Amino acid sequence: MMVTSTLLFATGQTDDNRPHLFAIDKKTGKRLGAVPTPAMGQYGLMTYMHEGRQYVILPVNGGYTAMALS
């Protein structure tokens, strides 16, 4: 899991057992979005800003997946 000022990011699976990264509103607990990932995420989610864009790094088995937030 990872926390920003307004969101909680968590990895998990949808009903069809596909791995996803979920964005959850911290105040309401409502799921705001789900992004498919190539594998289940592991401990150590990171985020950073580069040239005004936010990125999320998701450790997965054997490497990392980087995603840009729009």
PDB file of N, CA and C in Angstrom:
ATOM      1  N   MET A   1       0.832  -1.182   0.000  1.00  0.00           N
ATOM      2  CA  MET A   1       0.000   0.000   0.000  1.00  0.00           C
ATOM      3  C   MET A   1       0.877   1.247   0.000  1.00  0.00           C
ATOM      4  N   MET A   2       0.283   2.320  -0.489  1.00  0.00           N
ATOM      5  CA  MET A   2       0.960   3.611  -0.494  1.00  0.00           C
ATOM      6  C   MET A   2      -0.108   4.683  -0.296  1.00  0.00           C
ATOM      7  N   VAL A   3       0.255   5.737   0.425  1.00  0.00           N
ATOM      8  CA  VAL A   3      -0.693   6.798   0.728  1.00  0.00           C
ATOM      9  C   VAL A   3      -0.183   8.121   0.173  1.00  0.00           C
ATOM     10  N   THR A   4      -1.087   8.887  -0.459  1.00  0.00           N
ATOM     11  CA  THR A   4      -0.800  10.263  -0.842  1.00  0.00           C
ATOM     12  C   THR A   4      -1.701  11.153   0.013  1.00  0.00           C
ATOM     13  N   SER A   5      -1.742  12.436  -0.283  1.00  0.00           N
ATOM     14  CA  SER A   5      -2.561  13.339   0.532  1.00  0.00           C
ATOM     15  C   SER A   5      -4.052  13.015   0.444  1.00  0.00           C
ATOM     16  N   THR A   6      -4.500  12.444  -0.660  1.00  0.00           N
ATOM     17  CA  THR A   6      -5.929  12.172  -0.824  1.00  0.00           C
ATOM     18  C   THR A   6      -6.261  10.716  -1.148  1.00  0.00           C
ATOM     19  N   LEU A   7      -5.270   9.935  -1.556  1.00  0.00           N
ATOM     20  CA  LEU A   7      -5.539   8.576  -2.029  1.00  0.00           C
ATOM     21  C   LEU A   7      -4.768   7.509  -1.264  1.00  0.00           C
ATOM     22  N   LEU A   8      -5.353   6.315  -1.262  1.00  0.00           N
ATOM     23  CA  LEU A   8      -4.673   5.111  -0.829  1.00  0.00           C
ATOM     24  C   LEU A   8      -4.529   4.247  -2.071  1.00  0.00           C
ATOM     25  N   PHE A   9      -3.322   3.814  -2.366  1.00  0.00           N
ATOM     26  CA  PHE A   9      -3.086   2.893  -3.473  1.00  0.00           C
ATOM     27  C   PHE A   9      -2.855   1.516  -2.886  1.00  0.00           C
ATOM     28  N   ALA A  10      -3.511   0.514  -3.454  1.00  0.00           N
ATOM     29  CA  ALA A  10      -3.361  -0.858  -2.974  1.00  0.00           C
ATOM     30  C   ALA A  10      -3.412  -1.809  -4.157  1.00  0.00           C
ATOM     31  N   THR A  11      -2.660  -2.885  -4.067  1.00  0.00           N
ATOM     32  CA  THR A  11      -2.702  -3.903  -5.109  1.00  0.00           C
ATOM     33  C   THR A  11      -3.651  -5.012  -4.673  1.00  0.00           C
ATOM     34  N   GLY A  12      -4.191  -5.691  -5.647  1.00  0.00           N
ATOM     35  CA  GLY A  12      -5.103  -6.792  -5.368  1.00  0.00           C
ATOM     36  C   GLY A  12      -5.617  -7.368  -6.658  1.00  0.00           C
ATOM     37  N   GLN A  13      -6.652  -8.173  -6.544  1.00  0.00           N
ATOM     38  CA  GLN A  13      -7.243  -8.816  -7.706  1.00  0.00           C
ATOM     39  C   GLN A  13      -8.709  -8.430  -7.838  1.00  0.00           C
ATOM     40  N   THR A  14      -9.174  -8.375  -9.076  1.00  0.00           N
ATOM     41  CA  THR A  14     -10.593  -8.146  -9.335  1.00  0.00           C
ATOM     42  C   THR A  14     -11.321  -9.486  -9.268  1.00  0.00           C
ATOM     43  N   ASP A  15     -12.625  -9.470  -9.469  1.00  0.00           N
ATOM     44  CA  ASP A  15     -13.430 -10.692  -9.375  1.00  0.00           C
ATOM     45  C   ASP A  15     -12.977 -11.789 -10.336  1.00  0.00           C
ATOM     46  N   ASP A  16     -12.340 -11.400 -11.454  1.00  0.00           N
ATOM     47  CA  ASP A  16     -11.867 -12.386 -12.424  1.00  0.00           C
ATOM     48  C   ASP A  16     -10.416 -12.823 -12.162  1.00  0.00           C
ATOM     49  N   ASN A  17      -9.897 -12.508 -10.961  1.00  0.00           N
ATOM     50  CA  ASN A  17      -8.561 -12.897 -10.510  1.00  0.00           C
ATOM     51  C   ASN A  17      -7.413 -12.235 -11.273  1.00  0.00           C
ATOM     52  N   ARG A  18      -7.665 -11.111 -11.909  1.00  0.00           N
ATOM     53  CA  ARG A  18      -6.601 -10.382 -12.605  1.00  0.00           C
ATOM     54  C   ARG A  18      -6.010  -9.342 -11.654  1.00  0.00           C
ATOM     55  N   PRO A  19      -4.675  -9.206 -11.652  1.00  0.00           N
ATOM     56  CA  PRO A  19      -4.036  -8.242 -10.749  1.00  0.00           C
ATOM     57  C   PRO A  19      -4.279  -6.802 -11.184  1.00  0.00           C
ATOM     58  N   HIS A  20      -4.489  -5.924 -10.209  1.00  0.00           N
ATOM     59  CA  HIS A  20      -4.745  -4.507 -10.466  1.00  0.00           C
ATOM     60  C   HIS A  20      -4.107  -3.649  -9.382  1.00  0.00           C
ATOM     61  N   LEU A  21      -3.912  -2.383  -9.712  1.00  0.00           N
ATOM     62  CA  LEU A  21      -3.574  -1.359  -8.738  1.00  0.00           C
ATOM     63  C   LEU A  21      -4.835  -0.538  -8.541  1.00  0.00           C
ATOM     64  N   PHE A  22      -5.285  -0.415  -7.295  1.00  0.00           N
ATOM     65  CA  PHE A  22      -6.522   0.290  -6.983  1.00  0.00           C
ATOM     66  C   PHE A  22      -6.215   1.639  -6.348  1.00  0.00           C
ATOM     67  N   ALA A  23      -6.991   2.655  -6.721  1.00  0.00           N
ATOM     68  CA  ALA A  23      -6.930   3.969  -6.087  1.00  0.00           C
ATOM     69  C   ALA A  23      -8.197   4.119  -5.256  1.00  0.00           C
ATOM     70  N   ILE A  24      -8.024   4.417  -3.974  1.00  0.00           N
ATOM     71  CA  ILE A  24      -9.136   4.486  -3.037  1.00  0.00           C
ATOM     72  C   ILE A  24      -9.125   5.849  -2.353  1.00  0.00           C
ATOM     73  N   ASP A  25     -10.283   6.490  -2.309  1.00  0.00           N
ATOM     74  CA  ASP A  25     -10.416   7.785  -1.629  1.00  0.00           C
ATOM     75  C   ASP A  25     -10.218   7.587  -0.133  1.00  0.00           C
ATOM     76  N   LYS A  26      -9.304   8.332   0.471  1.00  0.00           N
ATOM     77  CA  LYS A  26      -9.008   8.165   1.894  1.00  0.00           C
ATOM     78  C   LYS A  26     -10.171   8.541   2.793  1.00  0.00           C
ATOM     79  N   LYS A  27     -10.946   9.528   2.413  1.00  0.00           N
ATOM     80  CA  LYS A  27     -12.050   9.981   3.271  1.00  0.00           C
ATOM     81  C   LYS A  27     -13.255   9.065   3.207  1.00  0.00           C
ATOM     82  N   THR A  28     -13.596   8.592   2.007  1.00  0.00           N
ATOM     83  CA  THR A  28     -14.829   7.834   1.845  1.00  0.00           C
ATOM     84  C   THR A  28     -14.624   6.327   1.768  1.00  0.00           C
ATOM     85  N   GLY A  29     -13.407   5.887   1.412  1.00  0.00           N
ATOM     86  CA  GLY A  29     -13.156   4.465   1.216  1.00  0.00           C
ATOM     87  C   GLY A  29     -13.630   3.968  -0.132  1.00  0.00           C
ATOM     88  N   LYS A  30     -14.150   4.874  -0.966  1.00  0.00           N
ATOM     89  CA  LYS A  30     -14.675   4.498  -2.279  1.00  0.00           C
ATOM     90  C   LYS A  30     -13.525   4.243  -3.254  1.00  0.00           C
ATOM     91  N   ARG A  31     -13.646   3.151  -4.018  1.00  0.00           N
ATOM     92  CA  ARG A  31     -12.665   2.850  -5.057  1.00  0.00           C
ATOM     93  C   ARG A  31     -12.878   3.811  -6.219  1.00  0.00           C
ATOM     94  N   LEU A  32     -11.840   4.584  -6.535  1.00  0.00           N
ATOM     95  CA  LEU A  32     -11.936   5.584  -7.594  1.00  0.00           C
ATOM     96  C   LEU A  32     -11.431   5.071  -8.933  1.00  0.00           C
ATOM     97  N   GLY A  33     -10.616   4.049  -8.911  1.00  0.00           N
ATOM     98  CA  GLY A  33     -10.092   3.512 -10.162  1.00  0.00           C
ATOM     99  C   GLY A  33      -9.335   2.230  -9.934  1.00  0.00           C
ATOM    100  N   ALA A  34      -9.172   1.487 -11.027  1.00  0.00           N
ATOM    101  CA  ALA A  34      -8.418   0.241 -11.007  1.00  0.00           C
ATOM    102  C   ALA A  34      -7.655   0.138 -12.315  1.00  0.00           C
ATOM    103  N   VAL A  35      -6.360  -0.108 -12.217  1.00  0.00           N
ATOM    104  CA  VAL A  35      -5.510  -0.222 -13.400  1.00  0.00           C
ATOM    105  C   VAL A  35      -4.934  -1.626 -13.444  1.00  0.00           C
ATOM    106  N   PRO A  36      -5.097  -2.342 -14.567  1.00  0.00           N
ATOM    107  CA  PRO A  36      -4.513  -3.682 -14.669  1.00  0.00           C
ATOM    108  C   PRO A  36      -2.986  -3.619 -14.559  1.00  0.00           C
ATOM    109  N   THR A  37      -2.405  -4.613 -13.921  1.00  0.00           N
ATOM    110  CA  THR A  37      -0.955  -4.719 -13.801  1.00  0.00           C
ATOM    111  C   THR A  37      -0.516  -6.085 -14.336  1.00  0.00           C
ATOM    112  N   PRO A  38       0.751  -6.221 -14.750  1.00  0.00           N
ATOM    113  CA  PRO A  38       1.192  -7.483 -15.341  1.00  0.00           C
ATOM    114  C   PRO A  38       1.296  -8.629 -14.340  1.00  0.00           C
ATOM    115  N   ALA A  39       1.404  -8.312 -13.060  1.00  0.00           N
ATOM    116  CA  ALA A  39       1.502  -9.323 -12.007  1.00  0.00           C
ATOM    117  C   ALA A  39       1.069  -8.672 -10.696  1.00  0.00           C
ATOM    118  N   MET A  40       0.859  -9.500  -9.672  1.00  0.00           N
ATOM    119  CA  MET A  40       0.507  -8.965  -8.364  1.00  0.00           C
ATOM    120  C   MET A  40       1.637  -8.098  -7.842  1.00  0.00           C
ATOM    121  N   GLY A  41       1.261  -6.949  -7.290  1.00  0.00           N
ATOM    122  CA  GLY A  41       2.251  -6.052  -6.715  1.00  0.00           C
ATOM    123  C   GLY A  41       2.814  -6.615  -5.428  1.00  0.00           C
ATOM    124  N   GLN A  42       4.028  -6.184  -5.122  1.00  0.00           N
ATOM    125  CA  GLN A  42       4.690  -6.604  -3.903  1.00  0.00           C
ATOM    126  C   GLN A  42       4.968  -5.384  -3.038  1.00  0.00           C
ATOM    127  N   TYR A  43       5.547  -5.602  -1.883  1.00  0.00           N
ATOM    128  CA  TYR A  43       5.867  -4.537  -0.936  1.00  0.00           C
ATOM    129  C   TYR A  43       6.785  -3.499  -1.587  1.00  0.00           C
ATOM    130  N   GLY A  44       6.523  -2.219  -1.333  1.00  0.00           N
ATOM    131  CA  GLY A  44       7.436  -1.173  -1.753  1.00  0.00           C
ATOM    132  C   GLY A  44       6.933  -0.250  -2.842  1.00  0.00           C
ATOM    133  N   LEU A  45       5.621  -0.033  -2.947  1.00  0.00           N
ATOM    134  CA  LEU A  45       5.097   0.942  -3.907  1.00  0.00           C
ATOM    135  C   LEU A  45       5.774   2.290  -3.698  1.00  0.00           C
ATOM    136  N   MET A  46       6.062   2.989  -4.788  1.00  0.00           N
ATOM    137  CA  MET A  46       6.696   4.312  -4.711  1.00  0.00           C
ATOM    138  C   MET A  46       5.974   5.264  -5.657  1.00  0.00           C
ATOM    139  N   THR A  47       6.092   6.548  -5.386  1.00  0.00           N
ATOM    140  CA  THR A  47       5.586   7.557  -6.302  1.00  0.00           C
ATOM    141  C   THR A  47       6.578   8.707  -6.365  1.00  0.00           C
ATOM    142  N   TYR A  48       6.618   9.360  -7.508  1.00  0.00           N
ATOM    143  CA  TYR A  48       7.474  10.535  -7.649  1.00  0.00           C
ATOM    144  C   TYR A  48       6.910  11.441  -8.728  1.00  0.00           C
ATOM    145  N   MET A  49       7.334  12.694  -8.689  1.00  0.00           N
ATOM    146  CA  MET A  49       6.934  13.683  -9.693  1.00  0.00           C
ATOM    147  C   MET A  49       8.119  13.940 -10.618  1.00  0.00           C
ATOM    148  N   HIS A  50       7.824  14.064 -11.919  1.00  0.00           N
ATOM    149  CA  HIS A  50       8.844  14.409 -12.903  1.00  0.00           C
ATOM    150  C   HIS A  50       8.212  15.286 -13.959  1.00  0.00           C
ATOM    151  N   GLU A  51       8.742  16.488 -14.104  1.00  0.00           N
ATOM    152  CA  GLU A  51       8.247  17.454 -15.088  1.00  0.00           C
ATOM    153  C   GLU A  51       6.730  17.634 -14.995  1.00  0.00           C
ATOM    154  N   GLY A  52       6.235  17.751 -13.761  1.00  0.00           N
ATOM    155  CA  GLY A  52       4.825  18.027 -13.526  1.00  0.00           C
ATOM    156  C   GLY A  52       3.890  16.839 -13.644  1.00  0.00           C
ATOM    157  N   ARG A  53       4.426  15.649 -13.802  1.00  0.00           N
ATOM    158  CA  ARG A  53       3.599  14.449 -13.928  1.00  0.00           C
ATOM    159  C   ARG A  53       3.961  13.479 -12.807  1.00  0.00           C
ATOM    160  N   GLN A  54       2.937  12.830 -12.246  1.00  0.00           N
ATOM    161  CA  GLN A  54       3.169  11.893 -11.153  1.00  0.00           C
ATOM    162  C   GLN A  54       3.254  10.469 -11.697  1.00  0.00           C
ATOM    163  N   TYR A  55       4.220   9.726 -11.183  1.00  0.00           N
ATOM    164  CA  TYR A  55       4.434   8.336 -11.578  1.00  0.00           C
ATOM    165  C   TYR A  55       4.314   7.434 -10.362  1.00  0.00           C
ATOM    166  N   VAL A  56       3.846   6.215 -10.595  1.00  0.00           N
ATOM    167  CA  VAL A  56       3.760   5.193  -9.554  1.00  0.00           C
ATOM    168  C   VAL A  56       4.627   4.023  -9.999  1.00  0.00           C
ATOM    169  N   ILE A  57       5.488   3.557  -9.109  1.00  0.00           N
ATOM    170  CA  ILE A  57       6.341   2.404  -9.380  1.00  0.00           C
ATOM    171  C   ILE A  57       5.812   1.243  -8.549  1.00  0.00           C
ATOM    172  N   LEU A  58       5.527   0.149  -9.225  1.00  0.00           N
ATOM    173  CA  LEU A  58       4.954  -1.038  -8.587  1.00  0.00           C
ATOM    174  C   LEU A  58       5.944  -2.195  -8.700  1.00  0.00           C
ATOM    175  N   PRO A  59       6.515  -2.638  -7.582  1.00  0.00           N
ATOM    176  CA  PRO A  59       7.374  -3.820  -7.631  1.00  0.00           C
ATOM    177  C   PRO A  59       6.528  -5.060  -7.940  1.00  0.00           C
ATOM    178  N   VAL A  60       6.947  -5.817  -8.924  1.00  0.00           N
ATOM    179  CA  VAL A  60       6.292  -7.080  -9.278  1.00  0.00           C
ATOM    180  C   VAL A  60       7.363  -8.161  -9.314  1.00  0.00           C
ATOM    181  N   ASN A  61       6.952  -9.390  -9.336  1.00  0.00           N
ATOM    182  CA  ASN A  61       7.884 -10.508  -9.334  1.00  0.00           C
ATOM    183  C   ASN A  61       8.894 -10.362 -10.471  1.00  0.00           C
ATOM    184  N   GLY A  62      10.167 -10.171 -10.109  1.00  0.00           N
ATOM    185  CA  GLY A  62      11.218 -10.099 -11.112  1.00  0.00           C
ATOM    186  C   GLY A  62      11.484  -8.720 -11.684  1.00  0.00           C
ATOM    187  N   GLY A  63      10.845  -7.673 -11.184  1.00  0.00           N
ATOM    188  CA  GLY A  63      11.115  -6.347 -11.721  1.00  0.00           C
ATOM    189  C   GLY A  63      10.162  -5.289 -11.200  1.00  0.00           C
ATOM    190  N   TYR A  64       9.964  -4.256 -12.029  1.00  0.00           N
ATOM    191  CA  TYR A  64       9.117  -3.130 -11.657  1.00  0.00           C
ATOM    192  C   TYR A  64       8.231  -2.746 -12.829  1.00  0.00           C
ATOM    193  N   THR A  65       7.082  -2.169 -12.508  1.00  0.00           N
ATOM    194  CA  THR A  65       6.185  -1.578 -13.501  1.00  0.00           C
ATOM    195  C   THR A  65       6.020  -0.117 -13.137  1.00  0.00           C
ATOM    196  N   ALA A  66       6.205   0.763 -14.110  1.00  0.00           N
ATOM    197  CA  ALA A  66       6.043   2.201 -13.898  1.00  0.00           C
ATOM    198  C   ALA A  66       4.777   2.655 -14.620  1.00  0.00           C
ATOM    199  N   MET A  67       3.972   3.464 -13.923  1.00  0.00           N
ATOM    200  CA  MET A  67       2.738   3.978 -14.501  1.00  0.00           C
ATOM    201  C   MET A  67       2.662   5.475 -14.266  1.00  0.00           C
ATOM    202  N   ALA A  68       2.222   6.211 -15.277  1.00  0.00           N
ATOM    203  CA  ALA A  68       2.044   7.652 -15.149  1.00  0.00           C
ATOM    204  C   ALA A  68       0.592   7.944 -14.843  1.00  0.00           C
ATOM    205  N   LEU A  69       0.356   8.839 -13.887  1.00  0.00           N
ATOM    206  CA  LEU A  69      -1.010   9.271 -13.571  1.00  0.00           C
ATOM    207  C   LEU A  69      -1.338  10.452 -14.458  1.00  0.00           C
ATOM    208  N   SER A  70      -2.552  10.485 -14.958  1.00  0.00           N
ATOM    209  CA  SER A  70      -2.935  11.615 -15.824  1.00  0.00           C
ATOM    210  C   SER A  70      -3.704  12.642 -15.065  1.00  0.00           C
TER     211      SER A  70
END
